[in-house]
C-alpha atoms as a PDB file:
ATOM      1  CA  UNK A   1      23.213  28.429 -72.257  1.00  0.00           C
ATOM      2  CA  UNK A   2      22.357  24.785 -71.011  1.00  0.00           C
ATOM      3  CA  UNK A   3      22.832  24.167 -67.464  1.00  0.00           C
ATOM      4  CA  UNK A   4      22.529  21.416 -65.070  1.00  0.00           C
ATOM      5  CA  UNK A   5      20.853  22.688 -61.885  1.00  0.00           C
ATOM      6  CA  UNK A   6      20.297  22.055 -58.042  1.00  0.00           C
ATOM      7  CA  UNK A   7      17.129  23.727 -57.394  1.00  0.00           C
ATOM      8  CA  UNK A   8      16.645  22.205 -54.290  1.00  0.00           C
ATOM      9  CA  UNK A   9      18.599  20.084 -51.561  1.00  0.00           C
ATOM     10  CA  UNK A  10      17.351  16.750 -52.760  1.00  0.00           C
ATOM     11  CA  UNK A  11      20.622  15.020 -53.983  1.00  0.00           C
ATOM     12  CA  UNK A  12      22.021  14.160 -57.508  1.00  0.00           C
ATOM     13  CA  UNK A  13      18.593  12.719 -58.020  1.00  0.00           C
ATOM     14  CA  UNK A  14      16.767  16.278 -57.904  1.00  0.00           C
ATOM     15  CA  UNK A  15      19.075  18.051 -60.650  1.00  0.00           C
ATOM     16  CA  UNK A  16      17.387  19.568 -63.691  1.00  0.00           C
ATOM     17  CA  UNK A  17      18.919  21.088 -67.282  1.00  0.00           C
ATOM     18  CA  UNK A  18      17.548  24.459 -68.221  1.00  0.00           C
ATOM     19  CA  UNK A  19      17.695  27.101 -70.630  1.00  0.00           C
ATOM     20  CA  UNK A  20      19.696  30.094 -68.706  1.00  0.00           C
ATOM     21  CA  UNK A  21      20.733  33.547 -70.277  1.00  0.00           C
ATOM     22  CA  UNK A  22      24.574  33.522 -71.379  1.00  0.00           C
ATOM     23  CA  UNK A  23      26.734  35.121 -68.665  1.00  0.00           C
ATOM     24  CA  UNK A  24      28.761  38.561 -69.787  1.00  0.00           C
ATOM     25  CA  UNK A  25      32.176  39.058 -68.288  1.00  0.00           C
ATOM     26  CA  UNK A  26      33.028  41.775 -65.981  1.00  0.00           C
ATOM     27  CA  UNK A  27      36.162  43.920 -65.559  1.00  0.00           C
ATOM     28  CA  UNK A  28      38.809  41.016 -64.318  1.00  0.00           C
ATOM     29  CA  UNK A  29      36.773  38.379 -65.479  1.00  0.00           C
ATOM     30  CA  UNK A  30      36.525  35.864 -68.704  1.00  0.00           C
ATOM     31  CA  UNK A  31      34.055  33.558 -70.142  1.00  0.00           C
ATOM     32  CA  UNK A  32      34.751  30.445 -70.454  1.00  0.00           C
ATOM     33  CA  UNK A  33      32.507  27.958 -72.981  1.00  0.00           C
ATOM     34  CA  UNK A  34      32.995  24.862 -70.961  1.00  0.00           C
ATOM     35  CA  UNK A  35      33.805  21.668 -72.912  1.00  0.00           C
ATOM     36  CA  UNK A  36      34.666  19.410 -69.685  1.00  0.00           C
ATOM     37  CA  UNK A  37      33.667  19.814 -66.318  1.00  0.00           C
ATOM     38  CA  UNK A  38      34.978  17.184 -63.295  1.00  0.00           C
ATOM     39  CA  UNK A  39      32.701  15.550 -60.693  1.00  0.00           C
ATOM     40  CA  UNK A  40      33.652  14.577 -57.431  1.00  0.00           C
ATOM     41  CA  UNK A  41      32.800  13.358 -54.204  1.00  0.00           C
ATOM     42  CA  UNK A  42      31.880  16.769 -52.999  1.00  0.00           C
ATOM     43  CA  UNK A  43      29.037  17.106 -55.403  1.00  0.00           C
ATOM     44  CA  UNK A  44      27.212  14.501 -53.606  1.00  0.00           C
ATOM     45  CA  UNK A  45      27.253  16.235 -50.653  1.00  0.00           C
ATOM     46  CA  UNK A  46      26.586  19.893 -52.048  1.00  0.00           C
ATOM     47  CA  UNK A  47      23.744  18.832 -53.631  1.00  0.00           C
ATOM     48  CA  UNK A  48      22.166  17.674 -50.086  1.00  0.00           C
ATOM     49  CA  UNK A  49      23.768  20.407 -48.401  1.00  0.00           C
ATOM     50  CA  UNK A  50      25.939  18.772 -46.768  1.00  0.00           C
ATOM     51  CA  UNK A  51      29.444  19.930 -48.156  1.00  0.00           C
ATOM     52  CA  UNK A  52      31.278  22.778 -46.020  1.00  0.00           C
ATOM     53  CA  UNK A  53      30.215  25.579 -48.540  1.00  0.00           C
ATOM     54  CA  UNK A  54      26.014  25.719 -49.540  1.00  0.00           C
ATOM     55  CA  UNK A  55      25.676  27.662 -52.124  1.00  0.00           C
ATOM     56  CA  UNK A  56      22.557  29.790 -52.832  1.00  0.00           C
ATOM     57  CA  UNK A  57      19.882  27.815 -54.717  1.00  0.00           C
ATOM     58  CA  UNK A  58      19.800  27.661 -57.518  1.00  0.00           C
ATOM     59  CA  UNK A  59      23.343  26.958 -58.288  1.00  0.00           C
ATOM     60  CA  UNK A  60      24.673  23.895 -60.805  1.00  0.00           C
ATOM     61  CA  UNK A  61      27.772  21.333 -59.376  1.00  0.00           C
ATOM     62  CA  UNK A  62      31.166  20.691 -60.789  1.00  0.00           C
ATOM     63  CA  UNK A  63      33.973  22.140 -59.041  1.00  0.00           C
ATOM     64  CA  UNK A  64      36.137  22.445 -62.159  1.00  0.00           C
ATOM     65  CA  UNK A  65      36.328  22.877 -65.656  1.00  0.00           C
ATOM     66  CA  UNK A  66      38.268  22.985 -69.346  1.00  0.00           C
ATOM     67  CA  UNK A  67      37.526  24.589 -72.387  1.00  0.00           C
ATOM     68  CA  UNK A  68      38.545  27.729 -74.238  1.00  0.00           C
ATOM     69  CA  UNK A  69      37.893  31.626 -73.122  1.00  0.00           C
ATOM     70  CA  UNK A  70      35.317  32.834 -75.028  1.00  0.00           C
ATOM     71  CA  UNK A  71      35.139  36.398 -74.323  1.00  0.00           C
ATOM     72  CA  UNK A  72      37.168  38.442 -71.935  1.00  0.00           C
ATOM     73  CA  UNK A  73      36.314  41.673 -69.639  1.00  0.00           C
ATOM     74  CA  UNK A  74      37.700  44.978 -69.234  1.00  0.00           C
ATOM     75  CA  UNK A  75      41.157  44.686 -67.405  1.00  0.00           C
ATOM     76  CA  UNK A  76      41.625  41.462 -68.343  1.00  0.00           C
ATOM     77  CA  UNK A  77      45.419  40.748 -69.507  1.00  0.00           C
ATOM     78  CA  UNK A  78      47.116  37.863 -71.095  1.00  0.00           C
ATOM     79  CA  UNK A  79      44.013  36.129 -72.016  1.00  0.00           C
ATOM     80  CA  UNK A  80      42.536  35.855 -75.398  1.00  0.00           C
ATOM     81  CA  UNK A  81      39.656  34.418 -77.083  1.00  0.00           C
ATOM     82  CA  UNK A  82      40.281  31.004 -78.011  1.00  0.00           C
ATOM     83  CA  UNK A  83      42.933  30.004 -75.569  1.00  0.00           C
ATOM     84  CA  UNK A  84      42.296  26.651 -73.972  1.00  0.00           C
ATOM     85  CA  UNK A  85      42.398  26.980 -70.250  1.00  0.00           C
ATOM     86  CA  UNK A  86      41.278  25.096 -66.829  1.00  0.00           C
ATOM     87  CA  UNK A  87      39.638  26.223 -63.565  1.00  0.00           C
ATOM     88  CA  UNK A  88      38.997  25.585 -60.391  1.00  0.00           C
ATOM     89  CA  UNK A  89      35.745  27.080 -59.719  1.00  0.00           C
ATOM     90  CA  UNK A  90      34.339  25.217 -56.077  1.00  0.00           C
ATOM     91  CA  UNK A  91      31.159  24.621 -57.246  1.00  0.00           C
ATOM     92  CA  UNK A  92      28.911  26.200 -60.488  1.00  0.00           C
ATOM     93  CA  UNK A  93      31.062  24.441 -63.929  1.00  0.00           C
ATOM     94  CA  UNK A  94      28.195  22.325 -65.192  1.00  0.00           C
ATOM     95  CA  UNK A  95      26.808  24.135 -67.657  1.00  0.00           C
ATOM     96  CA  UNK A  96      28.491  25.824 -71.092  1.00  0.00           C
ATOM     97  CA  UNK A  97      29.097  29.233 -70.113  1.00  0.00           C
ATOM     98  CA  UNK A  98      31.012  29.965 -66.944  1.00  0.00           C
ATOM     99  CA  UNK A  99      32.536  33.155 -65.465  1.00  0.00           C
ATOM    100  CA  UNK A 100      36.064  33.114 -64.042  1.00  0.00           C
ATOM    101  CA  UNK A 101      38.421  35.512 -62.574  1.00  0.00           C
ATOM    102  CA  UNK A 102      41.501  35.865 -64.635  1.00  0.00           C
ATOM    103  CA  UNK A 103      43.678  34.836 -61.865  1.00  0.00           C
ATOM    104  CA  UNK A 104      41.804  31.536 -61.303  1.00  0.00           C
ATOM    105  CA  UNK A 105      42.569  30.221 -65.173  1.00  0.00           C
ATOM    106  CA  UNK A 106      45.324  28.006 -65.915  1.00  0.00           C
ATOM    107  CA  UNK A 107      46.599  27.772 -69.668  1.00  0.00           C
ATOM    108  CA  UNK A 108      46.818  23.319 -71.185  1.00  0.00           C
ATOM    109  CA  UNK A 109      49.146  22.661 -72.252  1.00  0.00           C
ATOM    110  CA  UNK A 110      47.906  21.264 -76.419  1.00  0.00           C
ATOM    111  CA  UNK A 111      48.702  17.821 -75.143  1.00  0.00           C
ATOM    112  CA  UNK A 112      46.643  17.706 -72.926  1.00  0.00           C
ATOM    113  CA  UNK A 113      42.598  16.950 -73.833  1.00  0.00           C
ATOM    114  CA  UNK A 114      39.518  18.647 -71.973  1.00  0.00           C
ATOM    115  CA  UNK A 115      38.358  15.818 -70.258  1.00  0.00           C
ATOM    116  CA  UNK A 116      41.867  15.103 -68.883  1.00  0.00           C
ATOM    117  CA  UNK A 117      42.292  18.649 -67.982  1.00  0.00           C
ATOM    118  CA  UNK A 118      38.854  18.918 -65.905  1.00  0.00           C
ATOM    119  CA  UNK A 119      39.447  16.513 -64.135  1.00  0.00           C
ATOM    120  CA  UNK A 120      43.366  17.451 -62.091  1.00  0.00           C
ATOM    121  CA  UNK A 121      42.378  20.521 -60.548  1.00  0.00           C
ATOM    122  CA  UNK A 122      41.029  19.132 -56.927  1.00  0.00           C
ATOM    123  CA  UNK A 123      41.914  15.551 -57.350  1.00  0.00           C
ATOM    124  CA  UNK A 124      45.919  16.135 -58.064  1.00  0.00           C
ATOM    125  CA  UNK A 125      45.545  19.848 -56.098  1.00  0.00           C
ATOM    126  CA  UNK A 126      44.564  17.719 -53.439  1.00  0.00           C
ATOM    127  CA  UNK A 127      47.085  15.631 -53.290  1.00  0.00           C
ATOM    128  CA  UNK A 128      50.123  18.197 -54.206  1.00  0.00           C
ATOM    129  CA  UNK A 129      48.790  20.224 -51.274  1.00  0.00           C
ATOM    130  CA  UNK A 130      48.391  17.162 -48.727  1.00  0.00           C
ATOM    131  CA  UNK A 131      51.749  15.165 -49.696  1.00  0.00           C
ATOM    132  CA  UNK A 132      54.227  17.328 -50.354  1.00  0.00           C
ATOM    133  CA  UNK A 133      52.932  20.299 -47.671  1.00  0.00           C
ATOM    134  CA  UNK A 134      51.380  19.268 -45.250  1.00  0.00           C
ATOM    135  CA  UNK A 135      52.224  15.803 -44.845  1.00  0.00           C
ATOM    136  CA  UNK A 136      56.083  16.504 -45.615  1.00  0.00           C
ATOM    137  CA  UNK A 137      56.232  13.697 -47.547  1.00  0.00           C
ATOM    138  CA  UNK A 138      60.191  12.134 -48.221  1.00  0.00           C
ATOM    139  CA  UNK A 139      61.241  10.200 -50.891  1.00  0.00           C
ATOM    140  CA  UNK A 140      61.870   6.312 -49.368  1.00  0.00           C
ATOM    141  CA  UNK A 141      58.735   6.708 -47.122  1.00  0.00           C
ATOM    142  CA  UNK A 142      55.822   4.389 -47.370  1.00  0.00           C
ATOM    143  CA  UNK A 143      52.443   5.940 -47.723  1.00  0.00           C
ATOM    144  CA  UNK A 144      48.919   4.100 -47.929  1.00  0.00           C
ATOM    145  CA  UNK A 145      46.361   5.398 -49.729  1.00  0.00           C
ATOM    146  CA  UNK A 146      42.799   4.127 -48.366  1.00  0.00           C
ATOM    147  CA  UNK A 147      40.087   4.909 -51.185  1.00  0.00           C
ATOM    148  CA  UNK A 148      42.525   3.963 -53.782  1.00  0.00           C
ATOM    149  CA  UNK A 149      41.177   3.294 -56.930  1.00  0.00           C
ATOM    150  CA  UNK A 150      38.568   6.503 -56.775  1.00  0.00           C
ATOM    151  CA  UNK A 151      39.887  10.492 -58.147  1.00  0.00           C
ATOM    152  CA  UNK A 152      41.851  11.491 -55.354  1.00  0.00           C
ATOM    153  CA  UNK A 153      43.417   7.910 -54.379  1.00  0.00           C
ATOM    154  CA  UNK A 154      44.715   7.619 -57.798  1.00  0.00           C
ATOM    155  CA  UNK A 155      45.931  10.948 -57.512  1.00  0.00           C
ATOM    156  CA  UNK A 156      47.833  10.452 -54.383  1.00  0.00           C
ATOM    157  CA  UNK A 157      49.298   7.317 -55.987  1.00  0.00           C
ATOM    158  CA  UNK A 158      50.562   8.507 -58.588  1.00  0.00           C
ATOM    159  CA  UNK A 159      51.822  11.976 -56.785  1.00  0.00           C
ATOM    160  CA  UNK A 160      53.215   9.640 -54.156  1.00  0.00           C
ATOM    161  CA  UNK A 161      55.423   7.811 -56.441  1.00  0.00           C
ATOM    162  CA  UNK A 162      56.676  11.082 -58.857  1.00  0.00           C
ATOM    163  CA  UNK A 163      57.807  12.402 -55.191  1.00  0.00           C
ATOM    164  CA  UNK A 164      59.980   8.985 -54.919  1.00  0.00           C
ATOM    165  CA  UNK A 165      57.339   7.157 -51.862  1.00  0.00           C
ATOM    166  CA  UNK A 166      56.443   3.530 -51.729  1.00  0.00           C
ATOM    167  CA  UNK A 167      52.728   3.164 -51.911  1.00  0.00           C
ATOM    168  CA  UNK A 168      50.146   0.764 -50.085  1.00  0.00           C
ATOM    169  CA  UNK A 169      47.044   1.028 -52.264  1.00  0.00           C
ATOM    170  CA  UNK A 170      44.011  -0.028 -49.990  1.00  0.00           C
ATOM    171  CA  UNK A 171      40.472  -0.520 -51.682  1.00  0.00           C
ATOM    172  CA  UNK A 172      37.828  -2.814 -51.414  1.00  0.00           C
ATOM    173  CA  UNK A 173      37.730  -5.226 -54.678  1.00  0.00           C
ATOM    174  CA  UNK A 174      40.395  -7.084 -56.625  1.00  0.00           C
ATOM    175  CA  UNK A 175      39.184  -5.153 -59.651  1.00  0.00           C
ATOM    176  CA  UNK A 176      39.562  -2.255 -57.727  1.00  0.00           C
ATOM    177  CA  UNK A 177      43.045  -2.786 -56.739  1.00  0.00           C
ATOM    178  CA  UNK A 178      44.121  -3.929 -59.892  1.00  0.00           C
ATOM    179  CA  UNK A 179      43.293  -0.575 -61.563  1.00  0.00           C
ATOM    180  CA  UNK A 180      45.711   0.631 -58.202  1.00  0.00           C
ATOM    181  CA  UNK A 181      48.719  -1.551 -59.551  1.00  0.00           C
ATOM    182  CA  UNK A 182      48.202  -0.254 -63.346  1.00  0.00           C
ATOM    183  CA  UNK A 183      48.566   3.788 -61.663  1.00  0.00           C
ATOM    184  CA  UNK A 184      51.973   2.743 -59.808  1.00  0.00           C
ATOM    185  CA  UNK A 185      51.329   1.023 -56.514  1.00  0.00           C
ATOM    186  CA  UNK A 186      53.593  -0.869 -55.413  1.00  0.00           C
ATOM    187  CA  UNK A 187      51.604  -2.920 -52.532  1.00  0.00           C
ATOM    188  CA  UNK A 188      47.740  -3.870 -52.721  1.00  0.00           C
ATOM    189  CA  UNK A 189      45.700  -4.395 -49.568  1.00  0.00           C
ATOM    190  CA  UNK A 190      42.017  -5.223 -49.607  1.00  0.00           C
ATOM    191  CA  UNK A 191      40.451  -4.523 -46.288  1.00  0.00           C
ATOM    192  CA  UNK A 192      36.861  -6.457 -47.356  1.00  0.00           C
ATOM    193  CA  UNK A 193      39.066  -9.390 -46.509  1.00  0.00           C
ATOM    194  CA  UNK A 194      42.100  -8.519 -44.586  1.00  0.00           C
ATOM    195  CA  UNK A 195      42.236  -6.707 -41.246  1.00  0.00           C
ATOM    196  CA  UNK A 196      43.859  -3.184 -42.032  1.00  0.00           C
ATOM    197  CA  UNK A 197      45.753  -2.329 -38.728  1.00  0.00           C
ATOM    198  CA  UNK A 198      47.274  -6.109 -39.429  1.00  0.00           C
ATOM    199  CA  UNK A 199      47.572  -5.680 -42.777  1.00  0.00           C
ATOM    200  CA  UNK A 200      49.589  -2.677 -42.957  1.00  0.00           C
ATOM    201  CA  UNK A 201      51.858  -3.791 -40.182  1.00  0.00           C
ATOM    202  CA  UNK A 202      52.684  -6.929 -42.342  1.00  0.00           C
ATOM    203  CA  UNK A 203      53.304  -5.053 -45.133  1.00  0.00           C
ATOM    204  CA  UNK A 204      55.953  -2.616 -43.652  1.00  0.00           C
ATOM    205  CA  UNK A 205      57.522  -5.272 -42.057  1.00  0.00           C
ATOM    206  CA  UNK A 206      55.886  -4.556 -38.524  1.00  0.00           C
ATOM    207  CA  UNK A 207      57.309  -0.974 -38.612  1.00  0.00           C
ATOM    208  CA  UNK A 208      54.139   0.724 -40.221  1.00  0.00           C
ATOM    209  CA  UNK A 209      53.278   3.178 -42.600  1.00  0.00           C
ATOM    210  CA  UNK A 210      54.958   6.718 -42.420  1.00  0.00           C
ATOM    211  CA  UNK A 211      52.019   8.766 -44.094  1.00  0.00           C
ATOM    212  CA  UNK A 212      48.038   7.737 -44.125  1.00  0.00           C
ATOM    213  CA  UNK A 213      46.289   9.677 -46.876  1.00  0.00           C
ATOM    214  CA  UNK A 214      42.409   8.688 -45.897  1.00  0.00           C
ATOM    215  CA  UNK A 215      39.964   9.368 -48.675  1.00  0.00           C
ATOM    216  CA  UNK A 216      37.301   7.290 -46.894  1.00  0.00           C
ATOM    217  CA  UNK A 217      37.082   7.726 -43.110  1.00  0.00           C
ATOM    218  CA  UNK A 218      34.900   6.096 -41.265  1.00  0.00           C
ATOM    219  CA  UNK A 219      35.673   2.455 -39.445  1.00  0.00           C
ATOM    220  CA  UNK A 220      38.541   2.088 -41.258  1.00  0.00           C
ATOM    221  CA  UNK A 221      40.155   5.686 -40.281  1.00  0.00           C
ATOM    222  CA  UNK A 222      40.985   4.346 -36.436  1.00  0.00           C
ATOM    223  CA  UNK A 223      42.351   1.084 -37.723  1.00  0.00           C
ATOM    224  CA  UNK A 224      44.684   2.861 -40.374  1.00  0.00           C
ATOM    225  CA  UNK A 225      45.691   5.581 -37.427  1.00  0.00           C
ATOM    226  CA  UNK A 226      46.918   2.247 -35.114  1.00  0.00           C
ATOM    227  CA  UNK A 227      49.085   0.667 -38.112  1.00  0.00           C
ATOM    228  CA  UNK A 228      51.009   4.346 -38.410  1.00  0.00           C
ATOM    229  CA  UNK A 229      54.749   4.678 -37.996  1.00  0.00           C
ATOM    230  CA  UNK A 230      56.464   6.543 -35.095  1.00  0.00           C
ATOM    231  CA  UNK A 231      56.082  10.169 -36.000  1.00  0.00           C
ATOM    232  CA  UNK A 232      53.890   9.392 -39.055  1.00  0.00           C
ATOM    233  CA  UNK A 233      51.248  11.659 -40.672  1.00  0.00           C
ATOM    234  CA  UNK A 234      47.896  11.072 -41.224  1.00  0.00           C
ATOM    235  CA  UNK A 235      45.947  12.866 -43.268  1.00  0.00           C
ATOM    236  CA  UNK A 236      42.451  13.624 -43.392  1.00  0.00           C
ATOM    237  CA  UNK A 237      40.895  13.945 -47.041  1.00  0.00           C
ATOM    238  CA  UNK A 238      37.609  12.889 -47.147  1.00  0.00           C
ATOM    239  CA  UNK A 239      34.746  10.290 -45.790  1.00  0.00           C
ATOM    240  CA  UNK A 240      33.415   8.880 -48.779  1.00  0.00           C
ATOM    241  CA  UNK A 241      32.364   6.108 -46.147  1.00  0.00           C
ATOM    242  CA  UNK A 242      29.441   8.619 -45.073  1.00  0.00           C
ATOM    243  CA  UNK A 243      30.771   8.897 -41.183  1.00  0.00           C
ATOM    244  CA  UNK A 244      32.924  10.669 -39.501  1.00  0.00           C
ATOM    245  CA  UNK A 245      34.953   8.863 -37.324  1.00  0.00           C
ATOM    246  CA  UNK A 246      36.228   9.640 -34.010  1.00  0.00           C
ATOM    247  CA  UNK A 247      39.810   9.650 -32.789  1.00  0.00           C
ATOM    248  CA  UNK A 248      40.750   8.354 -29.636  1.00  0.00           C
ATOM    249  CA  UNK A 249      43.654  11.293 -28.679  1.00  0.00           C
ATOM    250  CA  UNK A 250      45.735   8.585 -26.395  1.00  0.00           C
ATOM    251  CA  UNK A 251      46.592   6.842 -29.997  1.00  0.00           C
ATOM    252  CA  UNK A 252      47.766  10.002 -31.484  1.00  0.00           C
ATOM    253  CA  UNK A 253      50.385  10.662 -28.177  1.00  0.00           C
ATOM    254  CA  UNK A 254      51.454   6.711 -28.067  1.00  0.00           C
ATOM    255  CA  UNK A 255      52.526   7.351 -31.559  1.00  0.00           C
ATOM    256  CA  UNK A 256      53.803  10.856 -31.502  1.00  0.00           C
ATOM    257  CA  UNK A 257      52.024  11.469 -34.678  1.00  0.00           C
ATOM    258  CA  UNK A 258      50.442  14.477 -36.547  1.00  0.00           C
ATOM    259  CA  UNK A 259      46.911  14.699 -37.881  1.00  0.00           C
ATOM    260  CA  UNK A 260      46.241  17.379 -40.272  1.00  0.00           C
ATOM    261  CA  UNK A 261      43.013  18.228 -42.248  1.00  0.00           C
ATOM    262  CA  UNK A 262      43.290  18.714 -45.866  1.00  0.00           C
ATOM    263  CA  UNK A 263      40.786  21.091 -46.433  1.00  0.00           C
ATOM    264  CA  UNK A 264      42.015  22.054 -50.215  1.00  0.00           C
ATOM    265  CA  UNK A 265      39.373  24.077 -51.418  1.00  0.00           C
ATOM    266  CA  UNK A 266      39.681  26.529 -48.509  1.00  0.00           C
ATOM    267  CA  UNK A 267      43.458  26.114 -49.295  1.00  0.00           C
ATOM    268  CA  UNK A 268      43.146  27.237 -52.712  1.00  0.00           C
ATOM    269  CA  UNK A 269      40.579  30.029 -51.877  1.00  0.00           C
ATOM    270  CA  UNK A 270      43.021  31.478 -49.111  1.00  0.00           C
ATOM    271  CA  UNK A 271      46.650  31.239 -51.646  1.00  0.00           C
ATOM    272  CA  UNK A 272      45.104  30.742 -55.633  1.00  0.00           C
ATOM    273  CA  UNK A 273      48.878  31.088 -56.631  1.00  0.00           C
ATOM    274  CA  UNK A 274      49.771  28.330 -55.101  1.00  0.00           C
ATOM    275  CA  UNK A 275      47.051  26.155 -56.265  1.00  0.00           C
ATOM    276  CA  UNK A 276      48.108  28.077 -60.167  1.00  0.00           C
ATOM    277  CA  UNK A 277      51.763  26.307 -59.378  1.00  0.00           C
ATOM    278  CA  UNK A 278      50.534  22.634 -58.646  1.00  0.00           C
ATOM    279  CA  UNK A 279      48.065  22.594 -61.634  1.00  0.00           C
ATOM    280  CA  UNK A 280      50.881  24.124 -63.622  1.00  0.00           C
ATOM    281  CA  UNK A 281      53.030  21.333 -62.258  1.00  0.00           C
ATOM    282  CA  UNK A 282      50.555  18.959 -62.733  1.00  0.00           C
ATOM    283  CA  UNK A 283      49.480  19.888 -66.105  1.00  0.00           C
ATOM    284  CA  UNK A 284      53.292  19.421 -67.189  1.00  0.00           C
ATOM    285  CA  UNK A 285      53.620  16.012 -66.122  1.00  0.00           C
ATOM    286  CA  UNK A 286      50.489  14.818 -67.882  1.00  0.00           C
ATOM    287  CA  UNK A 287      51.828  16.652 -70.864  1.00  0.00           C
ATOM    288  CA  UNK A 288      55.006  14.730 -70.822  1.00  0.00           C
ATOM    289  CA  UNK A 289      53.699  11.377 -70.112  1.00  0.00           C
ATOM    290  CA  UNK A 290      54.706  11.203 -66.469  1.00  0.00           C
ATOM    291  CA  UNK A 291      50.844  10.892 -65.138  1.00  0.00           C
ATOM    292  CA  UNK A 292      48.394   9.122 -66.518  1.00  0.00           C
ATOM    293  CA  UNK A 293      45.237  10.209 -65.224  1.00  0.00           C
ATOM    294  CA  UNK A 294      42.472   7.715 -65.523  1.00  0.00           C
ATOM    295  CA  UNK A 295      38.851   8.946 -66.317  1.00  0.00           C
ATOM    296  CA  UNK A 296      35.892   6.294 -65.440  1.00  0.00           C
ATOM    297  CA  UNK A 297      33.440   7.845 -67.889  1.00  0.00           C
ATOM    298  CA  UNK A 298      32.022  11.103 -69.295  1.00  0.00           C
ATOM    299  CA  UNK A 299      28.686  11.516 -69.669  1.00  0.00           C
ATOM    300  CA  UNK A 300      26.789  14.440 -71.794  1.00  0.00           C
ATOM    301  CA  UNK A 301      25.616  17.386 -69.531  1.00  0.00           C
ATOM    302  CA  UNK A 302      22.022  15.957 -69.781  1.00  0.00           C
ATOM    303  CA  UNK A 303      23.223  13.363 -67.608  1.00  0.00           C
ATOM    304  CA  UNK A 304      24.579  15.091 -65.156  1.00  0.00           C
ATOM    305  CA  UNK A 305      22.593  13.757 -62.382  1.00  0.00           C
ATOM    306  CA  UNK A 306      23.459  10.232 -63.322  1.00  0.00           C
ATOM    307  CA  UNK A 307      27.243  10.767 -63.011  1.00  0.00           C
ATOM    308  CA  UNK A 308      27.250  12.089 -59.861  1.00  0.00           C
ATOM    309  CA  UNK A 309      24.719   9.097 -58.792  1.00  0.00           C
ATOM    310  CA  UNK A 310      27.705   7.115 -60.108  1.00  0.00           C
ATOM    311  CA  UNK A 311      30.169   8.520 -57.630  1.00  0.00           C
ATOM    312  CA  UNK A 312      27.079   8.333 -55.074  1.00  0.00           C
ATOM    313  CA  UNK A 313      27.510   4.472 -55.181  1.00  0.00           C
ATOM    314  CA  UNK A 314      31.157   4.609 -54.922  1.00  0.00           C
ATOM    315  CA  UNK A 315      31.259   2.944 -58.288  1.00  0.00           C
ATOM    316  CA  UNK A 316      33.963   5.071 -59.786  1.00  0.00           C
ATOM    317  CA  UNK A 317      37.147   3.933 -60.758  1.00  0.00           C
ATOM    318  CA  UNK A 318      39.133   7.244 -61.208  1.00  0.00           C
ATOM    319  CA  UNK A 319      37.455  10.620 -62.470  1.00  0.00           C
ATOM    320  CA  UNK A 320      33.698  10.677 -63.709  1.00  0.00           C
ATOM    321  CA  UNK A 321      33.567  13.779 -66.241  1.00  0.00           C
ATOM    322  CA  UNK A 322      30.443  15.679 -67.823  1.00  0.00           C
ATOM    323  CA  UNK A 323      31.188  16.850 -71.133  1.00  0.00           C
ATOM    324  CA  UNK A 324      29.019  19.795 -73.333  1.00  0.00           C
END
């Protein structure tokens, strides 16, 4: 089989394509023939050894996959060869064949294509876990999504709307904001041309936002926190800006707000059944047309490095996918 491999921690530019022996499923495992693998911003970090998880070299990028069951190991029940499935792996998906524990596998409805199915676990799983479980988002509340035009941001917009919230999309260009509007954002804020703190206050009539969903970090985090409403919730999703901010604790006291870390990958590892329920729910929404995930581009496996570089430059709107 062919695989995209990080053989060093030199970033996406160091990824190579090599032939590897076909893996064999063990007890409780299935082998999946990968048709599509989802890339995320974490792939820019893990390829440099800067992510929370540091797999041993060599490893493949791509945390999520979709395809069909190719072979089943001893003791596997309810899964058969040819069945369409998706799964969250953490890493290792950018290859033609992967081994997956049967409890990680989620069946894919016929109405959902492989490219879409490969891109829902991380972004929509994070949105469900962050907004519903950690953020306690209620219908009628206002959410500000920072980095709203990326895959994680667009997922947060759509999930927030399905939960009955009002969404302010925050992005850095009119083109990105237009994509956010098409995916359901009620209000738009360009933080390249507008003061973020004052802009969020103005859009909420001075009250502030109930929930901040921050995919960006950097200098924007404190400004967003200063705009939060009394007893609001600030959700730390990631640091696409490249720097980890330091937050004055007095702001949290003065706002009487909560700051919650959304380490979805670890939450999924600790409670895989909850992950499965959330992904099944998202796939049903996609199949019914209630969710319409946006794919920025799909690249062949041989261009995995190029695909991750697109994320590295923060040029993608929506998901970036590798196909085999």
